C-alpha atoms as a PDB file:
ATOM      1  CA  MET A   1     -11.456   1.664  -7.300  1.00  0.00           C
ATOM      2  CA  VAL A   2     -13.712  -0.963  -5.936  1.00  0.00           C
ATOM      3  CA  GLY A   3     -14.388  -0.998  -1.925  1.00  0.00           C
ATOM      4  CA  HIS A   4     -12.284  -3.948  -1.019  1.00  0.00           C
ATOM      5  CA  VAL A   5     -11.915  -2.763   2.314  1.00  0.00           C
ATOM      6  CA  MET A   6     -10.640  -5.621   4.171  1.00  0.00           C
ATOM      7  CA  ARG A   7      -6.953  -4.975   2.096  1.00  0.00           C
ATOM      8  CA  PHE A   8      -6.883  -1.583   4.395  1.00  0.00           C
ATOM      9  CA  VAL A   9      -6.862  -3.541   7.549  1.00  0.00           C
ATOM     10  CA  ASP A  10      -3.440  -3.148   9.049  1.00  0.00           C
ATOM     11  CA  ALA A  11      -2.971  -6.726  10.032  1.00  0.00           C
ATOM     12  CA  ILE A  12      -3.600  -7.409   6.396  1.00  0.00           C
ATOM     13  CA  GLU A  13      -0.963  -5.189   5.132  1.00  0.00           C
ATOM     14  CA  SER A  14       1.716  -6.917   7.550  1.00  0.00           C
ATOM     15  CA  MET A  15       0.731 -10.200   6.834  1.00  0.00           C
ATOM     16  CA  LYS A  16       1.431  -9.343   2.707  1.00  0.00           C
ATOM     17  CA  LYS A  17       4.457  -7.597   3.265  1.00  0.00           C
ATOM     18  CA  LYS A  18       5.821 -10.346   5.101  1.00  0.00           C
ATOM     19  CA  LEU A  19       4.531 -12.917   2.450  1.00  0.00           C
ATOM     20  CA  GLU A  20       6.024 -10.868  -0.132  1.00  0.00           C
ATOM     21  CA  GLY A  21       9.423 -10.694   1.396  1.00  0.00           C
ATOM     22  CA  GLY A  22       9.722 -14.530   1.729  1.00  0.00           C
ATOM     23  CA  LEU A  23       9.321 -14.705   5.642  1.00  0.00           C
ATOM     24  CA  ILE A  24       7.171 -18.323   4.957  1.00  0.00           C
ATOM     25  CA  GLY A  25       8.333 -19.360   1.813  1.00  0.00           C
ATOM     26  CA  ASP A  26       5.913 -19.850  -0.987  1.00  0.00           C
ATOM     27  CA  LEU A  27       2.329 -19.679   0.021  1.00  0.00           C
ATOM     28  CA  GLN A  28       0.561 -23.326   0.388  1.00  0.00           C
ATOM     29  CA  VAL A  29      -2.506 -22.774   2.028  1.00  0.00           C
ATOM     30  CA  ALA A  30      -4.502 -19.572   3.097  1.00  0.00           C
ATOM     31  CA  THR A  31      -7.815 -20.368   5.449  1.00  0.00           C
ATOM     32  CA  ILE A  32      -9.863 -17.146   5.615  1.00  0.00           C
ATOM     33  CA  GLU A  33     -12.633 -16.428   7.431  1.00  0.00           C
ATOM     34  CA  GLU A  34     -15.340 -14.304   8.739  1.00  0.00           C
ATOM     35  CA  ILE A  35     -18.562 -14.974  10.870  1.00  0.00           C
ATOM     36  CA  VAL A  36     -20.727 -11.883  12.219  1.00  0.00           C
ATOM     37  CA  ASN A  37     -24.671 -11.364  12.241  1.00  0.00           C
ATOM     38  CA  GLY A  38     -24.968  -9.989   8.735  1.00  0.00           C
ATOM     39  CA  PRO A  39     -28.345  -8.476   8.571  1.00  0.00           C
ATOM     40  CA  PHE A  40     -29.628  -9.363  11.787  1.00  0.00           C
ATOM     41  CA  ALA A  41     -27.297  -7.023  13.757  1.00  0.00           C
ATOM     42  CA  HIS A  42     -28.922  -4.626  16.296  1.00  0.00           C
ATOM     43  CA  PRO A  43     -29.278  -1.596  15.072  1.00  0.00           C
ATOM     44  CA  ARG A  44     -28.957   1.633  17.416  1.00  0.00           C
ATOM     45  CA  ASN A  45     -32.750   2.252  16.563  1.00  0.00           C
ATOM     46  CA  PRO A  46     -34.216  -1.132  16.687  1.00  0.00           C
ATOM     47  CA  ALA A  47     -35.934  -2.226  12.893  1.00  0.00           C
ATOM     48  CA  PRO A  48     -37.101  -4.950  10.899  1.00  0.00           C
ATOM     49  CA  VAL A  49     -34.757  -6.123   8.392  1.00  0.00           C
ATOM     50  CA  SER A  50     -35.389  -4.738   4.708  1.00  0.00           C
ATOM     51  CA  ASP A  51     -36.657  -7.385   2.573  1.00  0.00           C
ATOM     52  CA  TRP A  52     -34.147  -6.869  -0.104  1.00  0.00           C
ATOM     53  CA  TRP A  53     -31.589  -8.790   1.820  1.00  0.00           C
ATOM     54  CA  PHE A  54     -33.413 -12.006   1.135  1.00  0.00           C
ATOM     55  CA  ASP A  55     -34.870 -10.919  -2.451  1.00  0.00           C
ATOM     56  CA  THR A  56     -31.915 -12.671  -4.638  1.00  0.00           C
ATOM     57  CA  SER A  57     -33.661 -10.609  -7.709  1.00  0.00           C
ATOM     58  CA  LYS A  58     -32.310  -7.231  -5.719  1.00  0.00           C
ATOM     59  CA  SER A  59     -29.195  -8.672  -3.481  1.00  0.00           C
ATOM     60  CA  GLY A  60     -27.804 -11.219  -5.439  1.00  0.00           C
ATOM     61  CA  GLY A  61     -26.944 -13.477  -2.888  1.00  0.00           C
ATOM     62  CA  GLY A  62     -26.772 -14.305   0.868  1.00  0.00           C
ATOM     63  CA  ALA A  63     -23.311 -14.495   3.084  1.00  0.00           C
ATOM     64  CA  LEU A  64     -20.961 -15.781   0.464  1.00  0.00           C
ATOM     65  CA  LEU A  65     -21.738 -12.903  -1.503  1.00  0.00           C
ATOM     66  CA  ASP A  66     -22.172 -10.389   1.125  1.00  0.00           C
ATOM     67  CA  ILE A  67     -19.107 -11.759   3.150  1.00  0.00           C
ATOM     68  CA  GLY A  68     -17.673 -13.944   1.075  1.00  0.00           C
ATOM     69  CA  TYR A  69     -16.815 -11.344  -1.532  1.00  0.00           C
ATOM     70  CA  HIS A  70     -14.652 -10.276   0.941  1.00  0.00           C
ATOM     71  CA  MET A  71     -12.802 -13.145   1.637  1.00  0.00           C
ATOM     72  CA  ILE A  72     -12.682 -14.252  -1.359  1.00  0.00           C
ATOM     73  CA  ASP A  73     -10.708 -11.220  -2.492  1.00  0.00           C
ATOM     74  CA  LEU A  74      -8.380 -11.430   0.423  1.00  0.00           C
ATOM     75  CA  TYR A  75      -7.652 -14.961  -1.200  1.00  0.00           C
ATOM     76  CA  ARG A  76      -7.053 -13.336  -4.410  1.00  0.00           C
ATOM     77  CA  TYR A  77      -4.913 -11.047  -2.821  1.00  0.00           C
ATOM     78  CA  PHE A  78      -2.568 -13.295  -1.069  1.00  0.00           C
ATOM     79  CA  GLY A  79      -2.704 -16.130  -3.564  1.00  0.00           C
ATOM     80  CA  GLY A  80      -3.622 -14.929  -7.131  1.00  0.00           C
ATOM     81  CA  GLU A  81      -6.335 -15.344  -9.562  1.00  0.00           C
ATOM     82  CA  SER A  82      -8.309 -18.770  -8.366  1.00  0.00           C
ATOM     83  CA  GLU A  83     -10.659 -21.206  -9.230  1.00  0.00           C
ATOM     84  CA  VAL A  84     -13.194 -23.154  -7.193  1.00  0.00           C
ATOM     85  CA  ASP A  85     -13.133 -26.166  -6.290  1.00  0.00           C
ATOM     86  CA  TYR A  86     -15.837 -27.194  -3.899  1.00  0.00           C
ATOM     87  CA  THR A  87     -18.895 -25.221  -2.360  1.00  0.00           C
ATOM     88  CA  HIS A  88     -21.251 -25.628   0.406  1.00  0.00           C
ATOM     89  CA  LEU A  89     -23.995 -23.395   1.417  1.00  0.00           C
ATOM     90  CA  ASP A  90     -26.138 -23.015   4.362  1.00  0.00           C
ATOM     91  CA  TYR A  91     -29.852 -22.289   5.071  1.00  0.00           C
ATOM     92  CA  ARG A  92     -29.748 -22.800   8.888  1.00  0.00           C
ATOM     93  CA  PHE A  93     -32.409 -20.041   8.938  1.00  0.00           C
ATOM     94  CA  ASP A  94     -34.386 -21.344   5.930  1.00  0.00           C
ATOM     95  CA  LEU A  95     -34.540 -18.378   4.038  1.00  0.00           C
ATOM     96  CA  PRO A  96     -34.477 -18.247   0.454  1.00  0.00           C
ATOM     97  CA  VAL A  97     -30.394 -16.787   0.491  1.00  0.00           C
ATOM     98  CA  GLU A  98     -27.596 -18.665   2.282  1.00  0.00           C
ATOM     99  CA  ASP A  99     -26.749 -17.934   6.037  1.00  0.00           C
ATOM    100  CA  GLY A 100     -23.271 -19.522   5.063  1.00  0.00           C
ATOM    101  CA  ALA A 101     -20.766 -20.443   3.088  1.00  0.00           C
ATOM    102  CA  THR A 102     -17.417 -22.632   2.846  1.00  0.00           C
ATOM    103  CA  LEU A 103     -15.334 -22.975  -0.807  1.00  0.00           C
ATOM    104  CA  LEU A 104     -12.530 -24.908  -1.377  1.00  0.00           C
ATOM    105  CA  VAL A 105     -10.345 -23.091  -3.735  1.00  0.00           C
ATOM    106  CA  HIS A 106      -6.985 -23.208  -5.292  1.00  0.00           C
ATOM    107  CA  SER A 107      -4.700 -20.712  -7.519  1.00  0.00           C
ATOM    108  CA  SER A 108      -4.614 -20.707 -10.881  1.00  0.00           C
ATOM    109  CA  ASP A 109      -1.060 -19.295 -11.252  1.00  0.00           C
ATOM    110  CA  SER A 110       0.955 -21.200  -8.064  1.00  0.00           C
ATOM    111  CA  SER A 111       0.272 -24.083  -5.712  1.00  0.00           C
ATOM    112  CA  ALA A 112      -1.445 -22.249  -3.388  1.00  0.00           C
ATOM    113  CA  ARG A 113      -4.852 -23.515  -2.462  1.00  0.00           C
ATOM    114  CA  GLY A 114      -7.646 -22.198   0.073  1.00  0.00           C
ATOM    115  CA  ILE A 115     -10.604 -22.426   2.661  1.00  0.00           C
ATOM    116  CA  VAL A 116     -12.977 -19.929   2.703  1.00  0.00           C
ATOM    117  CA  ASN A 117     -15.435 -19.793   5.465  1.00  0.00           C
ATOM    118  CA  VAL A 118     -18.202 -17.208   5.760  1.00  0.00           C
ATOM    119  CA  GLY A 119     -21.375 -17.213   7.722  1.00  0.00           C
ATOM    120  CA  TRP A 120     -24.316 -14.609   9.404  1.00  0.00           C
ATOM    121  CA  TYR A 121     -24.919 -17.190  11.739  1.00  0.00           C
ATOM    122  CA  GLN A 122     -23.279 -15.524  14.964  1.00  0.00           C
ATOM    123  CA  GLN A 123     -23.698 -12.911  16.654  1.00  0.00           C
ATOM    124  CA  THR A 124     -21.112 -10.243  16.677  1.00  0.00           C
ATOM    125  CA  ILE A 125     -20.577  -9.147  20.553  1.00  0.00           C
ATOM    126  CA  PHE A 126     -17.541  -6.082  20.782  1.00  0.00           C
ATOM    127  CA  PRO A 127     -14.373  -6.469  21.322  1.00  0.00           C
ATOM    128  CA  ARG A 128     -14.588  -9.721  20.028  1.00  0.00           C
ATOM    129  CA  TYR A 129     -14.838 -10.298  16.212  1.00  0.00           C
ATOM    130  CA  ASN A 130     -14.603 -13.681  14.522  1.00  0.00           C
ATOM    131  CA  PHE A 131     -12.025 -12.801  11.602  1.00  0.00           C
ATOM    132  CA  ARG A 132      -8.874 -14.687  10.915  1.00  0.00           C
ATOM    133  CA  VAL A 133      -6.572 -15.020   8.355  1.00  0.00           C
ATOM    134  CA  LEU A 134      -3.756 -18.198   8.398  1.00  0.00           C
ATOM    135  CA  LEU A 135      -1.138 -18.445   5.618  1.00  0.00           C
ATOM    136  CA  HIS A 136       0.901 -21.706   5.578  1.00  0.00           C
ATOM    137  CA  GLY A 137       4.426 -21.340   3.656  1.00  0.00           C
ATOM    138  CA  SER A 138       6.756 -23.790   2.746  1.00  0.00           C
ATOM    139  CA  ALA A 139       9.137 -22.195   5.602  1.00  0.00           C
ATOM    140  CA  GLY A 140       6.300 -20.977   7.917  1.00  0.00           C
ATOM    141  CA  TYR A 141       3.198 -19.507   8.385  1.00  0.00           C
ATOM    142  CA  LEU A 142       1.290 -16.190   9.533  1.00  0.00           C
ATOM    143  CA  SER A 143      -1.595 -15.478  11.124  1.00  0.00           C
ATOM    144  CA  SER A 144      -3.707 -12.591  11.723  1.00  0.00           C
ATOM    145  CA  ASP A 145      -4.082 -13.200  15.412  1.00  0.00           C
ATOM    146  CA  GLU A 146      -0.675 -12.017  15.826  1.00  0.00           C
ATOM    147  CA  PHE A 147      -1.041  -8.842  14.189  1.00  0.00           C
ATOM    148  CA  ILE A 148      -4.306  -7.892  15.748  1.00  0.00           C
ATOM    149  CA  PRO A 149      -4.227  -6.087  18.830  1.00  0.00           C
ATOM    150  CA  ARG A 150      -5.390  -8.508  21.918  1.00  0.00           C
ATOM    151  CA  SER A 151      -6.926  -6.114  23.759  1.00  0.00           C
ATOM    152  CA  LEU A 152      -9.344  -3.768  21.410  1.00  0.00           C
ATOM    153  CA  TYR A 153     -10.246  -1.449  24.656  1.00  0.00           C
ATOM    154  CA  SER A 154      -6.208  -1.097  25.737  1.00  0.00           C
ATOM    155  CA  TYR A 155      -5.475  -0.326  21.593  1.00  0.00           C
ATOM    156  CA  ALA A 156      -8.086   2.069  21.485  1.00  0.00           C
ATOM    157  CA  ALA A 157      -7.177   4.297  24.741  1.00  0.00           C
ATOM    158  CA  LYS A 158      -3.468   4.293  23.254  1.00  0.00           C
ATOM    159  CA  GLU A 159      -4.824   5.806  19.903  1.00  0.00           C
ATOM    160  CA  ALA A 160      -6.971   7.890  21.603  1.00  0.00           C
ATOM    161  CA  THR A 161      -4.219   9.102  23.751  1.00  0.00           C
ATOM    162  CA  LYS A 162      -1.704   9.513  20.641  1.00  0.00           C
ATOM    163  CA  ASN A 163      -4.480  11.529  18.653  1.00  0.00           C
ATOM    164  CA  ILE A 164      -4.705  14.168  21.579  1.00  0.00           C
ATOM    165  CA  LEU A 165      -0.909  14.449  21.410  1.00  0.00           C
ATOM    166  CA  ARG A 166      -1.114  14.686  17.668  1.00  0.00           C
ATOM    167  CA  ARG A 167      -3.403  17.297  18.108  1.00  0.00           C
ATOM    168  CA  ILE A 168      -1.828  19.337  20.718  1.00  0.00           C
ATOM    169  CA  ALA A 169       1.367  19.167  18.816  1.00  0.00           C
ATOM    170  CA  GLY A 170      -0.255  20.775  15.667  1.00  0.00           C
ATOM    171  CA  ARG A 171      -0.010  17.476  13.620  1.00  0.00           C
ATOM    172  CA  LYS A 172      -2.794  15.517  11.597  1.00  0.00           C
ATOM    173  CA  ILE A 173      -4.291  12.783  13.648  1.00  0.00           C
ATOM    174  CA  HIS A 174      -5.251   9.655  12.591  1.00  0.00           C
ATOM    175  CA  PHE A 175      -9.174   9.241  12.065  1.00  0.00           C
ATOM    176  CA  LEU A 176     -11.029   6.159  13.494  1.00  0.00           C
ATOM    177  CA  SER A 177      -7.438   4.425  14.624  1.00  0.00           C
ATOM    178  CA  TYR A 178      -8.954   3.870  17.846  1.00  0.00           C
ATOM    179  CA  THR A 179     -11.401   1.345  16.086  1.00  0.00           C
ATOM    180  CA  TYR A 180      -8.453  -0.698  14.525  1.00  0.00           C
ATOM    181  CA  PHE A 181     -11.145  -2.083  11.995  1.00  0.00           C
ATOM    182  CA  TYR A 182     -12.990   0.448  10.835  1.00  0.00           C
ATOM    183  CA  GLU A 183      -9.661   2.346  10.716  1.00  0.00           C
ATOM    184  CA  SER A 184      -9.299   0.675   7.280  1.00  0.00           C
ATOM    185  CA  PHE A 185     -12.754   2.684   6.013  1.00  0.00           C
ATOM    186  CA  TYR A 186     -10.800   5.631   6.402  1.00  0.00           C
ATOM    187  CA  ARG A 187      -7.490   4.239   4.868  1.00  0.00           C
ATOM    188  CA  GLU A 188      -8.902   3.290   1.683  1.00  0.00           C
ATOM    189  CA  LEU A 189     -10.758   6.497   1.517  1.00  0.00           C
ATOM    190  CA  GLU A 190      -7.669   8.447   2.073  1.00  0.00           C
ATOM    191  CA  HIS A 191      -6.171   5.941  -0.862  1.00  0.00           C
ATOM    192  CA  PHE A 192      -9.012   6.642  -3.557  1.00  0.00           C
ATOM    193  CA  PHE A 193      -8.659  10.327  -2.972  1.00  0.00           C
ATOM    194  CA  ASP A 194      -4.716  10.298  -3.384  1.00  0.00           C
ATOM    195  CA  CYS A 195      -5.271   8.370  -6.472  1.00  0.00           C
ATOM    196  CA  ILE A 196      -7.087  11.145  -8.048  1.00  0.00           C
ATOM    197  CA  LYS A 197      -4.813  13.690  -6.614  1.00  0.00           C
ATOM    198  CA  LYS A 198      -2.250  11.848  -8.639  1.00  0.00           C
ATOM    199  CA  ASP A 199      -3.853  10.682 -11.415  1.00  0.00           C
ATOM    200  CA  THR A 200      -2.980   7.010 -10.563  1.00  0.00           C
ATOM    201  CA  THR A 201      -4.385   3.452 -10.735  1.00  0.00           C
ATOM    202  CA  PRO A 202      -5.648   2.382  -7.275  1.00  0.00           C
ATOM    203  CA  ALA A 203      -4.429  -0.561  -5.924  1.00  0.00           C
ATOM    204  CA  VAL A 204      -8.069  -2.305  -6.238  1.00  0.00           C
ATOM    205  CA  THR A 205      -8.941  -1.937  -9.319  1.00  0.00           C
ATOM    206  CA  ALA A 206     -12.790  -2.566 -11.007  1.00  0.00           C
ATOM    207  CA  THR A 207     -10.868  -5.843 -12.335  1.00  0.00           C
ATOM    208  CA  ASP A 208     -10.385  -7.046  -8.868  1.00  0.00           C
ATOM    209  CA  GLY A 209     -14.091  -6.381  -8.346  1.00  0.00           C
ATOM    210  CA  LEU A 210     -14.871  -8.269 -11.762  1.00  0.00           C
ATOM    211  CA  ARG A 211     -12.960 -11.419 -10.903  1.00  0.00           C
ATOM    212  CA  THR A 212     -14.051 -11.632  -7.529  1.00  0.00           C
ATOM    213  CA  VAL A 213     -17.648 -11.954  -8.503  1.00  0.00           C
ATOM    214  CA  GLU A 214     -16.612 -13.944 -11.122  1.00  0.00           C
ATOM    215  CA  VAL A 215     -15.547 -16.596  -8.463  1.00  0.00           C
ATOM    216  CA  ILE A 216     -18.677 -16.165  -6.541  1.00  0.00           C
ATOM    217  CA  GLN A 217     -20.449 -17.031  -9.466  1.00  0.00           C
ATOM    218  CA  LYS A 218     -18.877 -20.199 -10.277  1.00  0.00           C
ATOM    219  CA  ALA A 219     -19.204 -21.076  -6.919  1.00  0.00           C
ATOM    220  CA  TYR A 220     -22.966 -20.782  -7.123  1.00  0.00           C
ATOM    221  CA  GLU A 221     -22.875 -22.948 -10.113  1.00  0.00           C
ATOM    222  CA  LYS A 222     -21.089 -25.688  -8.420  1.00  0.00           C
ATOM    223  CA  TYR A 223     -23.402 -25.966  -5.920  1.00  0.00           C
ATOM    224  CA  ARG A 224     -26.563 -26.049  -7.833  1.00  0.00           C
ATOM    225  CA  LYS A 225     -25.128 -28.638 -10.155  1.00  0.00           C
ATOM    226  CA  ALA A 226     -24.419 -30.680  -7.054  1.00  0.00           C
ATOM    227  CA  GLN A 227     -27.614 -30.006  -6.022  1.00  0.00           C
ATOM    228  CA  LYS A 228     -29.254 -31.554  -9.196  1.00  0.00           C
ATOM    229  CA  MET A 229     -26.695 -34.454  -9.394  1.00  0.00           C
ATOM    230  CA  ARG A 230     -27.810 -35.588  -6.105  1.00  0.00           C
ATOM    231  CA  CYS A 231     -31.403 -35.569  -6.919  1.00  0.00           C
ATOM    232  CA  THR A 232     -31.139 -37.321  -9.979  1.00  0.00           C
END
């Protein structure tokens, strides 16, 4: 199993069920984006950013590989196998790797198209989190903003209270549920352990990981070719 943790976010699972249930008809356009501070996030104990982040021989790439990997997987999750039409990479910080990327993609097995937008250039300050998925269908639309709690503080308080009551009642508590987004890590691991116990195939396979990396590789190649053409 490959760690495509965003698939286990409650909002994403709800959107997937509604899409498969035909609520918005056939998917036409998907916009998927996440802008964070990447390696520049402030750790609890301040320390310099590790050099490997900016060494492509070790990291393989920048924001496109780091954040784009999960966003492209989400596009595949909703729209199926994808091909890259256009790639733009940003180098705002003049680093050896890109600090932002925007991709235009299309599905090879449907009429769906998509926009994937990722970046390392924005500081993430809780409770705001710059992540969203917008699905436009032939009969309506879905937005992750409709499913994500409006106030993560209120949500955390409610979930913490529920866990206290569950513990008092002798029931299993929902680990990390009060964090909302971080709960997906627990749910991902829980699914993996369940697959081991029952000897079943994981919802996210090694093939999913490979296909996503192949899309990223094509995106890098398309950008390099475009840059060469500009120079000639």
